[in-house]
């Protein structure tokens, strides 16, 4: 996720009397990612993948996922995929591990 690089304070309300820190993540980042889907993406895939991307980004921001934690997840998915063999990827089996298959 990209940050906007500022810690500016934003004010809310007509008189600007409620100050809170600006969000440190680029508020347009997720929409920019969703909008990169190509013109051949079906409307249903656009809905499903867009929702997945939004939820994934929200999760990442909520837990403030670190690079090391993200890489551990990537290695986990790769390891699950290679349980059968190095040449036959079984990454879809992660659905069972996460309870999604049920």
PDB file of N, CA and C in Angstrom:
ATOM      1  N   UNK A   1       0.827  -1.168   0.000  1.00  0.00           N
ATOM      2  CA  UNK A   1       0.000   0.000   0.000  1.00  0.00           C
ATOM      3  C   UNK A   1       0.880   1.243   0.000  1.00  0.00           C
ATOM      4  N   UNK A   2       0.508   2.197  -0.761  1.00  0.00           N
ATOM      5  CA  UNK A   2       1.263   3.438  -0.802  1.00  0.00           C
ATOM      6  C   UNK A   2       0.742   4.390   0.257  1.00  0.00           C
ATOM      7  N   UNK A   3       1.636   5.110   0.858  1.00  0.00           N
ATOM      8  CA  UNK A   3       1.219   6.143   1.794  1.00  0.00           C
ATOM      9  C   UNK A   3       1.228   7.469   1.071  1.00  0.00           C
ATOM     10  N   UNK A   4       0.465   8.407   1.626  1.00  0.00           N
ATOM     11  CA  UNK A   4       0.426   9.709   0.975  1.00  0.00           C
ATOM     12  C   UNK A   4       1.603  10.577   1.376  1.00  0.00           C
ATOM     13  N   UNK A   5       2.413  10.079   2.326  1.00  0.00           N
ATOM     14  CA  UNK A   5       3.645  10.769   2.678  1.00  0.00           C
ATOM     15  C   UNK A   5       3.465  11.988   3.547  1.00  0.00           C
ATOM     16  N   UNK A   6       2.246  12.193   4.079  1.00  0.00           N
ATOM     17  CA  UNK A   6       2.035  13.347   4.938  1.00  0.00           C
ATOM     18  C   UNK A   6       1.440  12.909   6.251  1.00  0.00           C
ATOM     19  N   UNK A   7       1.633  13.723   7.227  1.00  0.00           N
ATOM     20  CA  UNK A   7       0.977  13.547   8.515  1.00  0.00           C
ATOM     21  C   UNK A   7       0.180  14.799   8.823  1.00  0.00           C
ATOM     22  N   UNK A   8      -0.324  15.449   7.781  1.00  0.00           N
ATOM     23  CA  UNK A   8      -1.068  16.679   7.941  1.00  0.00           C
ATOM     24  C   UNK A   8      -2.306  16.438   8.788  1.00  0.00           C
ATOM     25  N   UNK A   9      -2.777  17.501   9.398  1.00  0.00           N
ATOM     26  CA  UNK A   9      -4.011  17.426  10.170  1.00  0.00           C
ATOM     27  C   UNK A   9      -5.132  17.947   9.301  1.00  0.00           C
ATOM     28  N   UNK A  10      -6.222  17.172   9.253  1.00  0.00           N
ATOM     29  CA  UNK A  10      -7.406  17.593   8.520  1.00  0.00           C
ATOM     30  C   UNK A  10      -8.444  18.059   9.523  1.00  0.00           C
ATOM     31  N   UNK A  11      -9.243  19.033   9.131  1.00  0.00           N
ATOM     32  CA  UNK A  11     -10.321  19.476  10.006  1.00  0.00           C
ATOM     33  C   UNK A  11     -11.639  19.074   9.401  1.00  0.00           C
ATOM     34  N   UNK A  12     -12.610  18.801  10.261  1.00  0.00           N
ATOM     35  CA  UNK A  12     -13.932  18.390   9.833  1.00  0.00           C
ATOM     36  C   UNK A  12     -14.954  19.389  10.351  1.00  0.00           C
ATOM     37  N   UNK A  13     -16.104  19.394   9.735  1.00  0.00           N
ATOM     38  CA  UNK A  13     -17.176  20.256  10.199  1.00  0.00           C
ATOM     39  C   UNK A  13     -17.078  21.624   9.571  1.00  0.00           C
ATOM     40  N   UNK A  14     -18.180  22.361   9.651  1.00  0.00           N
ATOM     41  CA  UNK A  14     -18.228  23.673   9.000  1.00  0.00           C
ATOM     42  C   UNK A  14     -17.259  24.677   9.608  1.00  0.00           C
ATOM     43  N   UNK A  15     -16.941  24.510  10.889  1.00  0.00           N
ATOM     44  CA  UNK A  15     -16.039  25.457  11.524  1.00  0.00           C
ATOM     45  C   UNK A  15     -14.637  24.890  11.671  1.00  0.00           C
ATOM     46  N   UNK A  16     -14.444  23.668  11.222  1.00  0.00           N
ATOM     47  CA  UNK A  16     -13.120  23.060  11.291  1.00  0.00           C
ATOM     48  C   UNK A  16     -12.646  22.836  12.702  1.00  0.00           C
ATOM     49  N   UNK A  17     -13.574  22.590  13.645  1.00  0.00           N
ATOM     50  CA  UNK A  17     -13.184  22.493  15.040  1.00  0.00           C
ATOM     51  C   UNK A  17     -12.812  21.078  15.483  1.00  0.00           C
ATOM     52  N   UNK A  18     -12.980  20.084  14.649  1.00  0.00           N
ATOM     53  CA  UNK A  18     -12.620  18.720  15.016  1.00  0.00           C
ATOM     54  C   UNK A  18     -11.409  18.312  14.192  1.00  0.00           C
ATOM     55  N   UNK A  19     -10.244  18.276  14.820  1.00  0.00           N
ATOM     56  CA  UNK A  19      -9.020  17.952  14.105  1.00  0.00           C
ATOM     57  C   UNK A  19      -8.669  16.498  14.320  1.00  0.00           C
ATOM     58  N   UNK A  20      -8.247  15.835  13.261  1.00  0.00           N
ATOM     59  CA  UNK A  20      -7.735  14.477  13.370  1.00  0.00           C
ATOM     60  C   UNK A  20      -6.641  14.313  12.334  1.00  0.00           C
ATOM     61  N   UNK A  21      -5.688  13.410  12.585  1.00  0.00           N
ATOM     62  CA  UNK A  21      -4.592  13.241  11.632  1.00  0.00           C
ATOM     63  C   UNK A  21      -5.091  12.722  10.292  1.00  0.00           C
ATOM     64  N   UNK A  22      -4.475  13.176   9.227  1.00  0.00           N
ATOM     65  CA  UNK A  22      -4.794  12.662   7.896  1.00  0.00           C
ATOM     66  C   UNK A  22      -4.399  11.195   7.844  1.00  0.00           C
ATOM     67  N   UNK A  23      -5.154  10.419   7.079  1.00  0.00           N
ATOM     68  CA  UNK A  23      -4.832   8.997   6.961  1.00  0.00           C
ATOM     69  C   UNK A  23      -3.498   8.862   6.250  1.00  0.00           C
ATOM     70  N   UNK A  24      -2.684   7.920   6.718  1.00  0.00           N
ATOM     71  CA  UNK A  24      -1.343   7.798   6.148  1.00  0.00           C
ATOM     72  C   UNK A  24      -1.301   7.005   4.862  1.00  0.00           C
ATOM     73  N   UNK A  25      -2.409   6.394   4.465  1.00  0.00           N
ATOM     74  CA  UNK A  25      -2.461   5.651   3.215  1.00  0.00           C
ATOM     75  C   UNK A  25      -3.148   6.487   2.141  1.00  0.00           C
ATOM     76  N   UNK A  26      -2.687   6.342   0.926  1.00  0.00           N
ATOM     77  CA  UNK A  26      -3.278   7.045  -0.210  1.00  0.00           C
ATOM     78  C   UNK A  26      -4.739   6.629  -0.335  1.00  0.00           C
ATOM     79  N   UNK A  27      -5.681   7.534  -0.201  1.00  0.00           N
ATOM     80  CA  UNK A  27      -7.095   7.170  -0.241  1.00  0.00           C
ATOM     81  C   UNK A  27      -7.564   6.672  -1.614  1.00  0.00           C
ATOM     82  N   UNK A  28      -6.775   6.888  -2.655  1.00  0.00           N
ATOM     83  CA  UNK A  28      -7.150   6.455  -4.001  1.00  0.00           C
ATOM     84  C   UNK A  28      -6.479   5.152  -4.426  1.00  0.00           C
ATOM     85  N   UNK A  29      -5.613   4.614  -3.569  1.00  0.00           N
ATOM     86  CA  UNK A  29      -4.814   3.455  -3.959  1.00  0.00           C
ATOM     87  C   UNK A  29      -5.672   2.261  -4.363  1.00  0.00           C
ATOM     88  N   UNK A  30      -6.620   1.878  -3.522  1.00  0.00           N
ATOM     89  CA  UNK A  30      -7.435   0.687  -3.802  1.00  0.00           C
ATOM     90  C   UNK A  30      -8.238   0.875  -5.081  1.00  0.00           C
ATOM     91  N   UNK A  31      -8.866   2.013  -5.251  1.00  0.00           N
ATOM     92  CA  UNK A  31      -9.626   2.262  -6.487  1.00  0.00           C
ATOM     93  C   UNK A  31      -8.716   2.202  -7.707  1.00  0.00           C
ATOM     94  N   UNK A  32      -7.508   2.727  -7.582  1.00  0.00           N
ATOM     95  CA  UNK A  32      -6.569   2.665  -8.708  1.00  0.00           C
ATOM     96  C   UNK A  32      -6.245   1.221  -9.074  1.00  0.00           C
ATOM     97  N   UNK A  33      -6.068   0.357  -8.063  1.00  0.00           N
ATOM     98  CA  UNK A  33      -5.785  -1.056  -8.331  1.00  0.00           C
ATOM     99  C   UNK A  33      -6.994  -1.712  -8.998  1.00  0.00           C
ATOM    100  N   UNK A  34      -8.178  -1.488  -8.441  1.00  0.00           N
ATOM    101  CA  UNK A  34      -9.397  -2.081  -9.013  1.00  0.00           C
ATOM    102  C   UNK A  34      -9.581  -1.630 -10.462  1.00  0.00           C
ATOM    103  N   UNK A  35      -9.283  -0.386 -10.730  1.00  0.00           N
ATOM    104  CA  UNK A  35      -9.482   0.161 -12.073  1.00  0.00           C
ATOM    105  C   UNK A  35      -8.459  -0.314 -13.095  1.00  0.00           C
ATOM    106  N   UNK A  36      -7.466  -1.103 -12.680  1.00  0.00           N
ATOM    107  CA  UNK A  36      -6.492  -1.620 -13.634  1.00  0.00           C
ATOM    108  C   UNK A  36      -6.985  -2.882 -14.343  1.00  0.00           C
ATOM    109  N   UNK A  37      -8.167  -3.386 -13.952  1.00  0.00           N
ATOM    110  CA  UNK A  37      -8.708  -4.556 -14.654  1.00  0.00           C
ATOM    111  C   UNK A  37      -8.940  -4.189 -16.117  1.00  0.00           C
ATOM    112  N   UNK A  38      -8.554  -5.077 -16.986  1.00  0.00           N
ATOM    113  CA  UNK A  38      -8.629  -4.815 -18.421  1.00  0.00           C
ATOM    114  C   UNK A  38     -10.044  -4.834 -18.968  1.00  0.00           C
ATOM    115  N   UNK A  39     -10.195  -4.402 -20.208  1.00  0.00           N
ATOM    116  CA  UNK A  39     -11.512  -4.292 -20.839  1.00  0.00           C
ATOM    117  C   UNK A  39     -12.177  -5.650 -21.088  1.00  0.00           C
ATOM    118  N   UNK A  40     -11.423  -6.725 -21.072  1.00  0.00           N
ATOM    119  CA  UNK A  40     -12.008  -8.044 -21.302  1.00  0.00           C
ATOM    120  C   UNK A  40     -12.489  -8.717 -20.024  1.00  0.00           C
ATOM    121  N   UNK A  41     -12.361  -8.039 -18.887  1.00  0.00           N
ATOM    122  CA  UNK A  41     -12.838  -8.582 -17.616  1.00  0.00           C
ATOM    123  C   UNK A  41     -14.363  -8.556 -17.621  1.00  0.00           C
ATOM    124  N   UNK A  42     -14.974  -9.705 -17.325  1.00  0.00           N
ATOM    125  CA  UNK A  42     -16.437  -9.746 -17.299  1.00  0.00           C
ATOM    126  C   UNK A  42     -16.947  -8.905 -16.139  1.00  0.00           C
ATOM    127  N   UNK A  43     -18.190  -8.477 -16.238  1.00  0.00           N
ATOM    128  CA  UNK A  43     -18.781  -7.654 -15.183  1.00  0.00           C
ATOM    129  C   UNK A  43     -18.789  -8.403 -13.852  1.00  0.00           C
ATOM    130  N   UNK A  44     -19.106  -9.702 -13.884  1.00  0.00           N
ATOM    131  CA  UNK A  44     -19.126 -10.485 -12.646  1.00  0.00           C
ATOM    132  C   UNK A  44     -17.720 -10.585 -12.046  1.00  0.00           C
ATOM    133  N   UNK A  45     -16.709 -10.842 -12.871  1.00  0.00           N
ATOM    134  CA  UNK A  45     -15.337 -10.890 -12.363  1.00  0.00           C
ATOM    135  C   UNK A  45     -14.915  -9.539 -11.803  1.00  0.00           C
ATOM    136  N   UNK A  46     -15.376  -8.478 -12.430  1.00  0.00           N
ATOM    137  CA  UNK A  46     -15.068  -7.132 -11.947  1.00  0.00           C
ATOM    138  C   UNK A  46     -15.643  -6.932 -10.540  1.00  0.00           C
ATOM    139  N   UNK A  47     -16.867  -7.417 -10.315  1.00  0.00           N
ATOM    140  CA  UNK A  47     -17.510  -7.297  -9.005  1.00  0.00           C
ATOM    141  C   UNK A  47     -16.781  -8.157  -7.972  1.00  0.00           C
ATOM    142  N   UNK A  48     -16.543  -9.430  -8.314  1.00  0.00           N
ATOM    143  CA  UNK A  48     -15.925 -10.360  -7.368  1.00  0.00           C
ATOM    144  C   UNK A  48     -14.491  -9.947  -7.050  1.00  0.00           C
ATOM    145  N   UNK A  49     -13.688  -9.707  -8.069  1.00  0.00           N
ATOM    146  CA  UNK A  49     -12.293  -9.342  -7.845  1.00  0.00           C
ATOM    147  C   UNK A  49     -12.174  -7.969  -7.182  1.00  0.00           C
ATOM    148  N   UNK A  50     -13.038  -7.047  -7.549  1.00  0.00           N
ATOM    149  CA  UNK A  50     -13.035  -5.725  -6.917  1.00  0.00           C
ATOM    150  C   UNK A  50     -13.316  -5.834  -5.432  1.00  0.00           C
ATOM    151  N   UNK A  51     -14.283  -6.657  -5.067  1.00  0.00           N
ATOM    152  CA  UNK A  51     -14.600  -6.859  -3.655  1.00  0.00           C
ATOM    153  C   UNK A  51     -13.439  -7.525  -2.930  1.00  0.00           C
ATOM    154  N   UNK A  52     -12.842  -8.546  -3.546  1.00  0.00           N
ATOM    155  CA  UNK A  52     -11.696  -9.222  -2.943  1.00  0.00           C
ATOM    156  C   UNK A  52     -10.555  -8.237  -2.693  1.00  0.00           C
ATOM    157  N   UNK A  53     -10.258  -7.415  -3.680  1.00  0.00           N
ATOM    158  CA  UNK A  53      -9.178  -6.435  -3.551  1.00  0.00           C
ATOM    159  C   UNK A  53      -9.486  -5.446  -2.426  1.00  0.00           C
ATOM    160  N   UNK A  54     -10.723  -4.953  -2.382  1.00  0.00           N
ATOM    161  CA  UNK A  54     -11.094  -3.987  -1.336  1.00  0.00           C
ATOM    162  C   UNK A  54     -10.979  -4.603   0.057  1.00  0.00           C
ATOM    163  N   UNK A  55     -11.487  -5.831   0.208  1.00  0.00           N
ATOM    164  CA  UNK A  55     -11.407  -6.495   1.513  1.00  0.00           C
ATOM    165  C   UNK A  55      -9.951  -6.769   1.901  1.00  0.00           C
ATOM    166  N   UNK A  56      -9.157  -7.202   0.938  1.00  0.00           N
ATOM    167  CA  UNK A  56      -7.750  -7.487   1.203  1.00  0.00           C
ATOM    168  C   UNK A  56      -7.004  -6.222   1.616  1.00  0.00           C
ATOM    169  N   UNK A  57      -7.260  -5.129   0.927  1.00  0.00           N
ATOM    170  CA  UNK A  57      -6.612  -3.868   1.278  1.00  0.00           C
ATOM    171  C   UNK A  57      -7.073  -3.378   2.644  1.00  0.00           C
ATOM    172  N   UNK A  58      -8.381  -3.503   2.925  1.00  0.00           N
ATOM    173  CA  UNK A  58      -8.891  -3.097   4.240  1.00  0.00           C
ATOM    174  C   UNK A  58      -8.255  -3.931   5.347  1.00  0.00           C
ATOM    175  N   UNK A  59      -8.145  -5.251   5.128  1.00  0.00           N
ATOM    176  CA  UNK A  59      -7.499  -6.135   6.102  1.00  0.00           C
ATOM    177  C   UNK A  59      -6.056  -5.706   6.336  1.00  0.00           C
ATOM    178  N   UNK A  60      -5.343  -5.448   5.260  1.00  0.00           N
ATOM    179  CA  UNK A  60      -3.931  -5.067   5.351  1.00  0.00           C
ATOM    180  C   UNK A  60      -3.758  -3.784   6.153  1.00  0.00           C
ATOM    181  N   UNK A  61      -4.631  -2.822   5.901  1.00  0.00           N
ATOM    182  CA  UNK A  61      -4.570  -1.569   6.663  1.00  0.00           C
ATOM    183  C   UNK A  61      -4.971  -1.787   8.120  1.00  0.00           C
ATOM    184  N   UNK A  62      -6.015  -2.596   8.343  1.00  0.00           N
ATOM    185  CA  UNK A  62      -6.512  -2.825   9.703  1.00  0.00           C
ATOM    186  C   UNK A  62      -5.443  -3.435  10.611  1.00  0.00           C
ATOM    187  N   UNK A  63      -4.749  -4.448  10.117  1.00  0.00           N
ATOM    188  CA  UNK A  63      -3.737  -5.114  10.948  1.00  0.00           C
ATOM    189  C   UNK A  63      -2.360  -4.489  10.790  1.00  0.00           C
ATOM    190  N   UNK A  64      -2.249  -3.486   9.920  1.00  0.00           N
ATOM    191  CA  UNK A  64      -0.971  -2.840   9.625  1.00  0.00           C
ATOM    192  C   UNK A  64       0.088  -3.890   9.298  1.00  0.00           C
ATOM    193  N   UNK A  65      -0.238  -4.712   8.309  1.00  0.00           N
ATOM    194  CA  UNK A  65       0.604  -5.821   7.875  1.00  0.00           C
ATOM    195  C   UNK A  65       2.009  -5.331   7.523  1.00  0.00           C
ATOM    196  N   UNK A  66       3.003  -5.998   8.063  1.00  0.00           N
ATOM    197  CA  UNK A  66       4.398  -5.635   7.759  1.00  0.00           C
ATOM    198  C   UNK A  66       4.863  -6.400   6.520  1.00  0.00           C
ATOM    199  N   UNK A  67       5.960  -5.973   5.952  1.00  0.00           N
ATOM    200  CA  UNK A  67       6.533  -6.661   4.795  1.00  0.00           C
ATOM    201  C   UNK A  67       6.916  -8.093   5.177  1.00  0.00           C
ATOM    202  N   UNK A  68       7.497  -8.275   6.348  1.00  0.00           N
ATOM    203  CA  UNK A  68       7.872  -9.624   6.786  1.00  0.00           C
ATOM    204  C   UNK A  68       6.650 -10.530   6.925  1.00  0.00           C
ATOM    205  N   UNK A  69       5.562  -9.999   7.464  1.00  0.00           N
ATOM    206  CA  UNK A  69       4.329 -10.787   7.603  1.00  0.00           C
ATOM    207  C   UNK A  69       3.740 -11.132   6.243  1.00  0.00           C
ATOM    208  N   UNK A  70       3.784 -10.164   5.329  1.00  0.00           N
ATOM    209  CA  UNK A  70       3.288 -10.409   3.977  1.00  0.00           C
ATOM    210  C   UNK A  70       4.110 -11.503   3.302  1.00  0.00           C
ATOM    211  N   UNK A  71       5.437 -11.409   3.438  1.00  0.00           N
ATOM    212  CA  UNK A  71       6.298 -12.424   2.825  1.00  0.00           C
ATOM    213  C   UNK A  71       6.068 -13.802   3.449  1.00  0.00           C
ATOM    214  N   UNK A  72       5.809 -13.860   4.749  1.00  0.00           N
ATOM    215  CA  UNK A  72       5.494 -15.139   5.399  1.00  0.00           C
ATOM    216  C   UNK A  72       4.237 -15.736   4.779  1.00  0.00           C
ATOM    217  N   UNK A  73       3.250 -14.903   4.486  1.00  0.00           N
ATOM    218  CA  UNK A  73       2.027 -15.373   3.827  1.00  0.00           C
ATOM    219  C   UNK A  73       2.288 -15.878   2.421  1.00  0.00           C
ATOM    220  N   UNK A  74       3.120 -15.165   1.685  1.00  0.00           N
ATOM    221  CA  UNK A  74       3.483 -15.586   0.329  1.00  0.00           C
ATOM    222  C   UNK A  74       4.202 -16.933   0.380  1.00  0.00           C
ATOM    223  N   UNK A  75       5.140 -17.075   1.302  1.00  0.00           N
ATOM    224  CA  UNK A  75       5.869 -18.345   1.436  1.00  0.00           C
ATOM    225  C   UNK A  75       4.920 -19.480   1.840  1.00  0.00           C
ATOM    226  N   UNK A  76       3.944 -19.181   2.698  1.00  0.00           N
ATOM    227  CA  UNK A  76       2.965 -20.181   3.114  1.00  0.00           C
ATOM    228  C   UNK A  76       2.166 -20.691   1.913  1.00  0.00           C
ATOM    229  N   UNK A  77       1.637 -19.763   1.112  1.00  0.00           N
ATOM    230  CA  UNK A  77       0.857 -20.158  -0.070  1.00  0.00           C
ATOM    231  C   UNK A  77       1.730 -20.955  -1.038  1.00  0.00           C
ATOM    232  N   UNK A  78       2.972 -20.516  -1.244  1.00  0.00           N
ATOM    233  CA  UNK A  78       3.877 -21.266  -2.126  1.00  0.00           C
ATOM    234  C   UNK A  78       4.161 -22.654  -1.582  1.00  0.00           C
ATOM    235  N   UNK A  79       4.395 -22.777  -0.277  1.00  0.00           N
ATOM    236  CA  UNK A  79       4.676 -24.080   0.329  1.00  0.00           C
ATOM    237  C   UNK A  79       3.479 -25.009   0.196  1.00  0.00           C
ATOM    238  N   UNK A  80       2.279 -24.487   0.430  1.00  0.00           N
ATOM    239  CA  UNK A  80       1.075 -25.304   0.266  1.00  0.00           C
ATOM    240  C   UNK A  80       0.973 -25.767  -1.188  1.00  0.00           C
ATOM    241  N   UNK A  81       1.255 -24.863  -2.103  1.00  0.00           N
ATOM    242  CA  UNK A  81       1.182 -25.196  -3.528  1.00  0.00           C
ATOM    243  C   UNK A  81       2.159 -26.264  -3.948  1.00  0.00           C
ATOM    244  N   UNK A  82       3.278 -26.366  -3.253  1.00  0.00           N
ATOM    245  CA  UNK A  82       4.321 -27.309  -3.646  1.00  0.00           C
ATOM    246  C   UNK A  82       4.344 -28.577  -2.794  1.00  0.00           C
ATOM    247  N   UNK A  83       3.343 -28.768  -1.947  1.00  0.00           N
ATOM    248  CA  UNK A  83       3.315 -29.959  -1.096  1.00  0.00           C
ATOM    249  C   UNK A  83       3.317 -31.232  -1.936  1.00  0.00           C
ATOM    250  N   UNK A  84       2.559 -31.222  -3.018  1.00  0.00           N
ATOM    251  CA  UNK A  84       2.487 -32.419  -3.857  1.00  0.00           C
ATOM    252  C   UNK A  84       3.824 -32.661  -4.550  1.00  0.00           C
ATOM    253  N   UNK A  85       4.298 -31.646  -5.256  1.00  0.00           N
ATOM    254  CA  UNK A  85       5.612 -31.716  -5.894  1.00  0.00           C
ATOM    255  C   UNK A  85       6.008 -30.312  -6.322  1.00  0.00           C
ATOM    256  N   UNK A  86       7.256 -30.139  -6.688  1.00  0.00           N
ATOM    257  CA  UNK A  86       7.742 -28.823  -7.120  1.00  0.00           C
ATOM    258  C   UNK A  86       7.171 -28.421  -8.482  1.00  0.00           C
ATOM    259  N   UNK A  87       6.718 -29.391  -9.272  1.00  0.00           N
ATOM    260  CA  UNK A  87       6.224 -29.081 -10.612  1.00  0.00           C
ATOM    261  C   UNK A  87       4.702 -29.073 -10.702  1.00  0.00           C
ATOM    262  N   UNK A  88       4.020 -29.610  -9.722  1.00  0.00           N
ATOM    263  CA  UNK A  88       2.546 -29.611  -9.730  1.00  0.00           C
ATOM    264  C   UNK A  88       2.068 -28.752  -8.571  1.00  0.00           C
ATOM    265  N   UNK A  89       1.607 -27.558  -8.883  1.00  0.00           N
ATOM    266  CA  UNK A  89       1.201 -26.617  -7.853  1.00  0.00           C
ATOM    267  C   UNK A  89      -0.204 -26.931  -7.365  1.00  0.00           C
ATOM    268  N   UNK A  90      -0.369 -27.028  -6.067  1.00  0.00           N
ATOM    269  CA  UNK A  90      -1.651 -27.341  -5.449  1.00  0.00           C
ATOM    270  C   UNK A  90      -2.112 -26.183  -4.563  1.00  0.00           C
ATOM    271  N   UNK A  91      -1.821 -24.954  -4.977  1.00  0.00           N
ATOM    272  CA  UNK A  91      -2.147 -23.791  -4.157  1.00  0.00           C
ATOM    273  C   UNK A  91      -3.644 -23.676  -3.867  1.00  0.00           C
ATOM    274  N   UNK A  92      -4.479 -24.247  -4.713  1.00  0.00           N
ATOM    275  CA  UNK A  92      -5.918 -24.180  -4.460  1.00  0.00           C
ATOM    276  C   UNK A  92      -6.285 -24.863  -3.142  1.00  0.00           C
ATOM    277  N   UNK A  93      -5.415 -25.718  -2.639  1.00  0.00           N
ATOM    278  CA  UNK A  93      -5.683 -26.423  -1.382  1.00  0.00           C
ATOM    279  C   UNK A  93      -5.691 -25.478  -0.179  1.00  0.00           C
ATOM    280  N   UNK A  94      -5.174 -24.275  -0.355  1.00  0.00           N
ATOM    281  CA  UNK A  94      -5.225 -23.306   0.733  1.00  0.00           C
ATOM    282  C   UNK A  94      -6.683 -22.983   1.085  1.00  0.00           C
ATOM    283  N   UNK A  95      -7.594 -23.154   0.123  1.00  0.00           N
ATOM    284  CA  UNK A  95      -9.024 -22.948   0.402  1.00  0.00           C
ATOM    285  C   UNK A  95      -9.512 -23.874   1.495  1.00  0.00           C
ATOM    286  N   UNK A  96      -9.048 -25.128   1.472  1.00  0.00           N
ATOM    287  CA  UNK A  96      -9.422 -26.097   2.497  1.00  0.00           C
ATOM    288  C   UNK A  96      -8.838 -25.688   3.847  1.00  0.00           C
ATOM    289  N   UNK A  97      -7.572 -25.284   3.851  1.00  0.00           N
ATOM    290  CA  UNK A  97      -6.897 -24.904   5.089  1.00  0.00           C
ATOM    291  C   UNK A  97      -7.587 -23.719   5.739  1.00  0.00           C
ATOM    292  N   UNK A  98      -8.058 -22.774   4.939  1.00  0.00           N
ATOM    293  CA  UNK A  98      -8.710 -21.577   5.454  1.00  0.00           C
ATOM    294  C   UNK A  98     -10.206 -21.767   5.715  1.00  0.00           C
ATOM    295  N   UNK A  99     -10.731 -22.969   5.395  1.00  0.00           N
ATOM    296  CA  UNK A  99     -12.142 -23.236   5.615  1.00  0.00           C
ATOM    297  C   UNK A  99     -13.044 -22.694   4.526  1.00  0.00           C
ATOM    298  N   UNK A 100     -12.486 -22.212   3.446  1.00  0.00           N
ATOM    299  CA  UNK A 100     -13.278 -21.640   2.350  1.00  0.00           C
ATOM    300  C   UNK A 100     -13.942 -22.735   1.531  1.00  0.00           C
ATOM    301  N   UNK A 101     -13.311 -23.891   1.463  1.00  0.00           N
ATOM    302  CA  UNK A 101     -13.852 -25.005   0.686  1.00  0.00           C
ATOM    303  C   UNK A 101     -15.218 -25.450   1.201  1.00  0.00           C
ATOM    304  N   UNK A 102     -15.394 -25.352   2.507  1.00  0.00           N
ATOM    305  CA  UNK A 102     -16.647 -25.782   3.123  1.00  0.00           C
ATOM    306  C   UNK A 102     -17.752 -24.799   2.836  1.00  0.00           C
TER     307      UNK A 102
END
